[in-house]
Amino acid sequence: MNFNYTRRYGRKKKTTSPTPACQYCHEHTVCAVPVFIRATPESETRVVCYKNYCISCGKIQAFNAFDKDGNPYRTYAFWLGVGRRARDFFLPPEMYEVDGKPDVGLKIRLVRALLRLQVKRPTEKMFYGYEVQEELENDPAEK
């Protein structure tokens, strides 16, 4: 069947796949998958953010971006709602409260540590608070 015709009424039929193609394997199997966290093994599971993930090759989609000085760097497709900033992602408040007050800087460092873990292990969706704390402590930029 040829769907590339035009007509004077109604909608034109689409000729593309409804799912985007993976930038690595070029299959049309990219989907949004949630990233989960548990502050403790007994606590409730929460969604931190979503990732654009290829179910064929198992890779997280990435973009080339530029910092304020014009230097290129690679950023991965993590998002929550319309935002991609780390401070907008959700973490259980007990993970970043210091003396009963939220520490936004600690929250951002924890989210970045979680995203580094996710990039290292792209097929996993669930992470625990102790894993994120270990990744944060092992980060050379934190020392």
N, C-alpha and C. Protein backbone atom coordinates (compact mmCIF):
# COMPACT_ATOMS: atom_id res chain seq x y z
N MET A 1 0.83 -1.18 0.00
CA MET A 1 0.00 0.00 0.00
C MET A 1 0.87 1.24 0.00
N ASN A 2 0.46 2.23 -0.72
CA ASN A 2 1.17 3.50 -0.75
C ASN A 2 0.39 4.50 0.09
N PHE A 3 1.00 5.01 1.16
CA PHE A 3 0.34 5.97 2.03
C PHE A 3 0.84 7.39 1.79
N ASN A 4 1.57 7.64 0.72
CA ASN A 4 2.13 8.95 0.46
C ASN A 4 1.25 9.79 -0.47
N TYR A 5 -0.02 9.67 -0.34
CA TYR A 5 -0.91 10.45 -1.18
C TYR A 5 -1.46 11.63 -0.38
N THR A 6 -1.93 12.63 -1.07
CA THR A 6 -2.58 13.76 -0.42
C THR A 6 -4.02 13.82 -0.89
N ARG A 7 -4.83 14.42 -0.08
CA ARG A 7 -6.23 14.56 -0.44
C ARG A 7 -6.73 15.91 0.04
N ARG A 8 -7.85 16.33 -0.42
CA ARG A 8 -8.36 17.65 -0.10
C ARG A 8 -9.09 17.68 1.24
N TYR A 9 -9.34 16.58 1.86
CA TYR A 9 -10.08 16.54 3.12
C TYR A 9 -9.39 15.58 4.09
N GLY A 10 -9.63 15.75 5.36
CA GLY A 10 -9.12 14.82 6.36
C GLY A 10 -7.63 14.92 6.60
N ARG A 11 -7.15 13.99 7.39
CA ARG A 11 -5.74 13.97 7.76
C ARG A 11 -4.94 13.11 6.80
N LYS A 12 -3.68 13.46 6.66
CA LYS A 12 -2.75 12.69 5.84
C LYS A 12 -2.16 11.58 6.72
N LYS A 13 -2.02 10.39 6.19
CA LYS A 13 -1.48 9.28 6.96
C LYS A 13 0.01 9.49 7.20
N LYS A 14 0.46 9.09 8.38
CA LYS A 14 1.87 9.22 8.73
C LYS A 14 2.69 8.16 8.01
N THR A 15 3.93 8.54 7.69
CA THR A 15 4.82 7.60 7.02
C THR A 15 6.01 7.24 7.90
N THR A 16 6.05 7.76 9.13
CA THR A 16 7.18 7.48 10.02
C THR A 16 6.72 6.59 11.17
N SER A 17 7.69 6.05 11.86
CA SER A 17 7.41 5.21 13.02
C SER A 17 6.98 6.09 14.19
N PRO A 18 6.08 5.62 15.05
CA PRO A 18 5.66 6.44 16.18
C PRO A 18 6.72 6.55 17.27
N THR A 19 7.72 5.67 17.27
CA THR A 19 8.77 5.74 18.28
C THR A 19 10.06 6.24 17.64
N PRO A 20 10.85 7.02 18.39
CA PRO A 20 12.10 7.52 17.82
C PRO A 20 13.13 6.41 17.67
N ALA A 21 14.08 6.64 16.80
CA ALA A 21 15.15 5.66 16.57
C ALA A 21 16.27 5.87 17.57
N CYS A 22 16.88 4.78 17.98
CA CYS A 22 18.02 4.82 18.89
C CYS A 22 19.23 5.40 18.15
N GLN A 23 19.99 6.25 18.81
CA GLN A 23 21.15 6.85 18.16
C GLN A 23 22.32 5.87 18.06
N TYR A 24 22.26 4.74 18.75
CA TYR A 24 23.34 3.76 18.71
C TYR A 24 23.03 2.61 17.75
N CYS A 25 21.86 1.96 17.91
CA CYS A 25 21.55 0.79 17.09
C CYS A 25 20.54 1.11 15.98
N HIS A 26 19.95 2.28 15.99
CA HIS A 26 19.02 2.77 14.98
C HIS A 26 17.71 1.99 14.90
N GLU A 27 17.40 1.21 15.93
CA GLU A 27 16.11 0.54 16.01
C GLU A 27 15.08 1.52 16.58
N HIS A 28 13.83 1.32 16.25
CA HIS A 28 12.76 2.18 16.77
C HIS A 28 12.21 1.60 18.06
N THR A 29 13.06 1.52 19.08
CA THR A 29 12.67 0.92 20.35
C THR A 29 13.06 1.79 21.54
N VAL A 30 13.06 3.10 21.39
CA VAL A 30 13.38 4.01 22.49
C VAL A 30 12.10 4.31 23.26
N CYS A 31 12.19 4.22 24.58
CA CYS A 31 11.02 4.50 25.41
C CYS A 31 11.46 5.21 26.68
N ALA A 32 10.51 5.80 27.36
CA ALA A 32 10.78 6.47 28.63
C ALA A 32 10.60 5.46 29.75
N VAL A 33 11.63 5.33 30.59
CA VAL A 33 11.62 4.37 31.68
C VAL A 33 11.91 5.13 32.97
N PRO A 34 11.15 4.88 34.04
CA PRO A 34 11.42 5.58 35.30
C PRO A 34 12.67 5.05 35.99
N VAL A 35 13.32 5.94 36.74
CA VAL A 35 14.44 5.60 37.60
C VAL A 35 13.91 5.66 39.02
N PHE A 36 14.02 4.56 39.76
CA PHE A 36 13.46 4.48 41.11
C PHE A 36 14.54 4.59 42.17
N ILE A 37 14.14 5.05 43.36
CA ILE A 37 15.05 5.08 44.50
C ILE A 37 14.27 4.67 45.75
N ARG A 38 15.01 4.05 46.67
CA ARG A 38 14.53 3.76 48.01
C ARG A 38 15.58 4.30 48.97
N ALA A 39 15.18 5.15 49.89
CA ALA A 39 16.14 5.71 50.84
C ALA A 39 16.72 4.60 51.71
N THR A 40 15.90 3.67 52.13
CA THR A 40 16.32 2.49 52.87
C THR A 40 15.63 1.29 52.23
N PRO A 41 16.14 0.09 52.45
CA PRO A 41 15.47 -1.08 51.85
C PRO A 41 14.02 -1.26 52.32
N GLU A 42 13.66 -0.72 53.49
CA GLU A 42 12.30 -0.85 54.00
C GLU A 42 11.37 0.29 53.54
N SER A 43 11.94 1.37 53.05
CA SER A 43 11.12 2.54 52.70
C SER A 43 10.39 2.33 51.37
N GLU A 44 9.51 3.25 51.09
CA GLU A 44 8.70 3.17 49.89
C GLU A 44 9.51 3.54 48.64
N THR A 45 9.15 2.95 47.52
CA THR A 45 9.83 3.21 46.25
C THR A 45 9.29 4.49 45.64
N ARG A 46 10.19 5.35 45.19
CA ARG A 46 9.81 6.63 44.57
C ARG A 46 10.47 6.78 43.21
N VAL A 47 9.81 7.53 42.32
CA VAL A 47 10.37 7.83 41.01
C VAL A 47 11.21 9.10 41.13
N VAL A 48 12.49 9.02 40.77
CA VAL A 48 13.37 10.18 40.80
C VAL A 48 13.21 10.99 39.52
N CYS A 49 13.30 10.30 38.39
CA CYS A 49 13.21 10.94 37.08
C CYS A 49 12.92 9.85 36.05
N TYR A 50 12.96 10.20 34.80
CA TYR A 50 12.78 9.26 33.70
C TYR A 50 14.01 9.31 32.82
N LYS A 51 14.26 8.22 32.10
CA LYS A 51 15.38 8.17 31.17
C LYS A 51 14.86 7.70 29.82
N ASN A 52 15.44 8.21 28.75
CA ASN A 52 15.15 7.71 27.41
C ASN A 52 16.11 6.57 27.16
N TYR A 53 15.54 5.38 27.01
CA TYR A 53 16.29 4.14 27.04
C TYR A 53 15.90 3.27 25.86
N CYS A 54 16.88 2.66 25.22
CA CYS A 54 16.62 1.76 24.10
C CYS A 54 16.50 0.34 24.63
N ILE A 55 15.37 -0.29 24.40
CA ILE A 55 15.19 -1.65 24.91
C ILE A 55 15.87 -2.69 24.03
N SER A 56 16.33 -2.31 22.85
CA SER A 56 17.05 -3.25 21.98
C SER A 56 18.51 -3.39 22.38
N CYS A 57 19.20 -2.27 22.52
CA CYS A 57 20.64 -2.33 22.82
C CYS A 57 20.95 -2.01 24.28
N GLY A 58 20.00 -1.47 25.04
CA GLY A 58 20.21 -1.21 26.46
C GLY A 58 21.01 0.04 26.77
N LYS A 59 21.01 1.02 25.88
CA LYS A 59 21.78 2.24 26.12
C LYS A 59 20.85 3.43 26.36
N ILE A 60 21.31 4.34 27.22
CA ILE A 60 20.60 5.58 27.50
C ILE A 60 20.96 6.57 26.41
N GLN A 61 19.98 7.25 25.87
CA GLN A 61 20.23 8.21 24.80
C GLN A 61 21.00 9.41 25.35
N ALA A 62 21.85 10.01 24.54
CA ALA A 62 22.70 11.12 24.97
C ALA A 62 22.66 12.24 23.94
N PHE A 63 23.05 13.43 24.39
CA PHE A 63 23.08 14.60 23.52
C PHE A 63 24.42 15.29 23.67
N ASN A 64 24.86 15.94 22.62
CA ASN A 64 26.04 16.80 22.71
C ASN A 64 25.56 18.18 23.09
N ALA A 65 26.21 18.76 24.10
CA ALA A 65 25.85 20.09 24.57
C ALA A 65 27.13 20.90 24.76
N PHE A 66 26.96 22.18 25.06
CA PHE A 66 28.10 23.07 25.25
C PHE A 66 27.94 23.81 26.57
N ASP A 67 29.06 23.96 27.31
CA ASP A 67 29.01 24.72 28.56
C ASP A 67 29.09 26.21 28.26
N LYS A 68 29.14 27.02 29.31
CA LYS A 68 29.11 28.48 29.11
C LYS A 68 30.36 29.01 28.41
N ASP A 69 31.46 28.22 28.43
CA ASP A 69 32.68 28.63 27.74
C ASP A 69 32.77 28.11 26.31
N GLY A 70 31.75 27.35 25.89
CA GLY A 70 31.72 26.81 24.54
C GLY A 70 32.38 25.46 24.38
N ASN A 71 32.76 24.84 25.49
CA ASN A 71 33.39 23.53 25.43
C ASN A 71 32.32 22.45 25.31
N PRO A 72 32.51 21.49 24.41
CA PRO A 72 31.49 20.44 24.24
C PRO A 72 31.55 19.42 25.38
N TYR A 73 30.40 18.90 25.75
CA TYR A 73 30.30 17.79 26.70
C TYR A 73 29.08 16.96 26.35
N ARG A 74 29.00 15.77 26.90
CA ARG A 74 27.91 14.84 26.61
C ARG A 74 26.95 14.83 27.80
N THR A 75 25.68 14.96 27.53
CA THR A 75 24.66 14.91 28.56
C THR A 75 23.66 13.82 28.20
N TYR A 76 23.17 13.13 29.20
CA TYR A 76 22.27 12.00 28.97
C TYR A 76 20.82 12.43 29.12
N ALA A 77 19.92 11.65 28.54
CA ALA A 77 18.50 12.00 28.47
C ALA A 77 17.77 11.59 29.75
N PHE A 78 18.01 12.35 30.82
CA PHE A 78 17.27 12.21 32.07
C PHE A 78 16.37 13.43 32.18
N TRP A 79 15.13 13.25 32.62
CA TRP A 79 14.20 14.37 32.69
C TRP A 79 13.08 14.05 33.67
N LEU A 80 12.41 15.08 34.11
CA LEU A 80 11.23 14.96 34.96
C LEU A 80 10.28 16.07 34.56
N GLY A 81 9.14 15.70 34.02
CA GLY A 81 8.21 16.71 33.52
C GLY A 81 8.83 17.40 32.32
N VAL A 82 8.93 18.72 32.41
CA VAL A 82 9.55 19.47 31.32
C VAL A 82 10.99 19.84 31.64
N GLY A 83 11.45 19.55 32.87
CA GLY A 83 12.77 20.00 33.28
C GLY A 83 13.82 18.92 33.21
N ARG A 84 15.08 19.36 33.03
CA ARG A 84 16.21 18.45 33.03
C ARG A 84 17.22 18.85 34.09
N ARG A 85 16.87 19.79 34.96
CA ARG A 85 17.80 20.24 35.99
C ARG A 85 17.75 19.30 37.19
N ALA A 86 18.92 19.07 37.79
CA ALA A 86 19.02 18.11 38.89
C ALA A 86 18.19 18.54 40.10
N ARG A 87 18.06 19.82 40.34
CA ARG A 87 17.31 20.25 41.52
C ARG A 87 15.81 20.01 41.39
N ASP A 88 15.33 19.79 40.17
CA ASP A 88 13.91 19.51 39.97
C ASP A 88 13.58 18.03 40.13
N PHE A 89 14.58 17.15 40.16
CA PHE A 89 14.33 15.73 40.31
C PHE A 89 13.90 15.45 41.74
N PHE A 90 13.21 14.33 41.95
CA PHE A 90 12.70 14.01 43.27
C PHE A 90 13.65 13.10 44.02
N LEU A 91 13.94 13.44 45.25
CA LEU A 91 14.63 12.56 46.18
C LEU A 91 13.83 12.56 47.47
N PRO A 92 13.80 11.45 48.21
CA PRO A 92 13.14 11.46 49.51
C PRO A 92 13.80 12.50 50.41
N PRO A 93 13.03 13.37 51.05
CA PRO A 93 13.62 14.45 51.85
C PRO A 93 14.57 13.98 52.94
N GLU A 94 14.35 12.79 53.50
CA GLU A 94 15.24 12.33 54.56
C GLU A 94 16.67 12.08 54.08
N MET A 95 16.87 12.00 52.76
CA MET A 95 18.21 11.78 52.24
C MET A 95 19.06 13.05 52.23
N TYR A 96 18.42 14.22 52.15
CA TYR A 96 19.21 15.46 52.03
C TYR A 96 18.88 16.49 53.10
N GLU A 97 18.18 16.10 54.14
CA GLU A 97 17.91 17.04 55.24
C GLU A 97 19.09 17.02 56.21
N VAL A 98 19.52 18.20 56.61
CA VAL A 98 20.59 18.36 57.59
C VAL A 98 20.01 19.18 58.74
N ASP A 99 20.00 18.60 59.93
CA ASP A 99 19.42 19.24 61.12
C ASP A 99 17.97 19.65 60.89
N GLY A 100 17.22 18.83 60.18
CA GLY A 100 15.80 19.10 59.95
C GLY A 100 15.51 20.08 58.83
N LYS A 101 16.56 20.60 58.17
CA LYS A 101 16.37 21.56 57.08
C LYS A 101 16.90 20.97 55.78
N PRO A 102 16.21 21.23 54.67
CA PRO A 102 16.70 20.69 53.39
C PRO A 102 17.97 21.40 52.93
N ASP A 103 18.93 20.62 52.49
CA ASP A 103 20.18 21.13 51.93
C ASP A 103 20.13 20.88 50.42
N VAL A 104 19.82 21.93 49.64
CA VAL A 104 19.64 21.78 48.20
C VAL A 104 20.94 21.40 47.52
N GLY A 105 22.07 21.90 47.99
CA GLY A 105 23.35 21.54 47.41
C GLY A 105 23.63 20.05 47.57
N LEU A 106 23.31 19.50 48.74
CA LEU A 106 23.48 18.06 48.96
C LEU A 106 22.53 17.28 48.07
N LYS A 107 21.31 17.78 47.90
CA LYS A 107 20.35 17.09 47.02
C LYS A 107 20.88 17.01 45.60
N ILE A 108 21.43 18.09 45.08
CA ILE A 108 21.96 18.11 43.71
C ILE A 108 23.13 17.14 43.58
N ARG A 109 24.03 17.12 44.58
CA ARG A 109 25.16 16.18 44.53
C ARG A 109 24.68 14.73 44.58
N LEU A 110 23.65 14.47 45.38
CA LEU A 110 23.10 13.11 45.45
C LEU A 110 22.43 12.72 44.13
N VAL A 111 21.69 13.63 43.52
CA VAL A 111 21.05 13.33 42.23
C VAL A 111 22.11 13.06 41.18
N ARG A 112 23.16 13.86 41.14
CA ARG A 112 24.24 13.63 40.17
C ARG A 112 24.94 12.30 40.40
N ALA A 113 25.11 11.92 41.67
CA ALA A 113 25.70 10.62 41.98
C ALA A 113 24.78 9.50 41.50
N LEU A 114 23.48 9.66 41.70
CA LEU A 114 22.52 8.66 41.23
C LEU A 114 22.56 8.53 39.71
N LEU A 115 22.65 9.65 39.01
CA LEU A 115 22.69 9.61 37.55
C LEU A 115 23.99 8.98 37.05
N ARG A 116 25.11 9.20 37.76
CA ARG A 116 26.36 8.52 37.40
C ARG A 116 26.22 7.01 37.56
N LEU A 117 25.56 6.60 38.65
CA LEU A 117 25.30 5.16 38.85
C LEU A 117 24.44 4.62 37.71
N GLN A 118 23.44 5.39 37.30
CA GLN A 118 22.55 4.95 36.24
C GLN A 118 23.30 4.81 34.92
N VAL A 119 24.22 5.71 34.64
CA VAL A 119 25.00 5.63 33.40
C VAL A 119 25.94 4.42 33.45
N LYS A 120 26.50 4.13 34.63
CA LYS A 120 27.37 2.96 34.78
C LYS A 120 26.60 1.67 34.62
N ARG A 121 25.36 1.63 35.12
CA ARG A 121 24.52 0.43 35.06
C ARG A 121 23.19 0.78 34.39
N PRO A 122 23.18 0.94 33.06
CA PRO A 122 21.99 1.47 32.38
C PRO A 122 20.77 0.56 32.40
N THR A 123 20.95 -0.73 32.59
CA THR A 123 19.78 -1.61 32.56
C THR A 123 19.07 -1.70 33.90
N GLU A 124 19.67 -1.20 34.97
CA GLU A 124 19.02 -1.21 36.28
C GLU A 124 18.10 0.00 36.41
N LYS A 125 17.00 -0.20 37.13
CA LYS A 125 16.05 0.90 37.34
C LYS A 125 15.92 1.28 38.81
N MET A 126 16.30 0.39 39.73
CA MET A 126 16.13 0.62 41.16
C MET A 126 17.48 0.83 41.83
N PHE A 127 17.58 1.88 42.64
CA PHE A 127 18.78 2.16 43.40
C PHE A 127 18.39 2.44 44.84
N TYR A 128 19.32 2.17 45.76
CA TYR A 128 19.09 2.39 47.18
C TYR A 128 19.93 3.57 47.66
N GLY A 129 19.50 4.18 48.75
CA GLY A 129 20.19 5.34 49.30
C GLY A 129 21.65 5.07 49.62
N TYR A 130 21.96 3.88 50.16
CA TYR A 130 23.35 3.58 50.51
C TYR A 130 24.24 3.50 49.26
N GLU A 131 23.69 3.03 48.13
CA GLU A 131 24.48 2.98 46.88
C GLU A 131 24.81 4.39 46.40
N VAL A 132 23.84 5.28 46.51
CA VAL A 132 24.04 6.67 46.07
C VAL A 132 25.06 7.35 46.99
N GLN A 133 24.97 7.10 48.31
CA GLN A 133 25.93 7.67 49.25
C GLN A 133 27.35 7.18 48.95
N GLU A 134 27.50 5.89 48.64
CA GLU A 134 28.83 5.35 48.30
C GLU A 134 29.37 5.98 47.03
N GLU A 135 28.51 6.17 46.04
CA GLU A 135 28.95 6.81 44.78
C GLU A 135 29.37 8.25 45.04
N LEU A 136 28.64 8.95 45.90
CA LEU A 136 28.98 10.33 46.24
C LEU A 136 30.32 10.40 46.97
N GLU A 137 30.56 9.46 47.88
CA GLU A 137 31.83 9.44 48.62
C GLU A 137 33.00 9.06 47.72
N ASN A 138 32.77 8.24 46.69
CA ASN A 138 33.85 7.81 45.80
C ASN A 138 34.12 8.81 44.68
N ASP A 139 33.33 9.86 44.58
CA ASP A 139 33.52 10.86 43.52
C ASP A 139 34.77 11.69 43.81
N PRO A 140 35.73 11.74 42.89
CA PRO A 140 36.94 12.53 43.13
C PRO A 140 36.67 14.02 43.26
N ALA A 141 35.60 14.52 42.68
CA ALA A 141 35.30 15.95 42.78
C ALA A 141 34.83 16.33 44.19
N GLU A 142 34.36 15.36 44.97
CA GLU A 142 33.88 15.63 46.32
C GLU A 142 35.00 15.68 47.34
N LYS A 143 36.17 15.19 46.95
CA LYS A 143 37.28 15.12 47.92
C LYS A 143 38.09 16.38 47.97
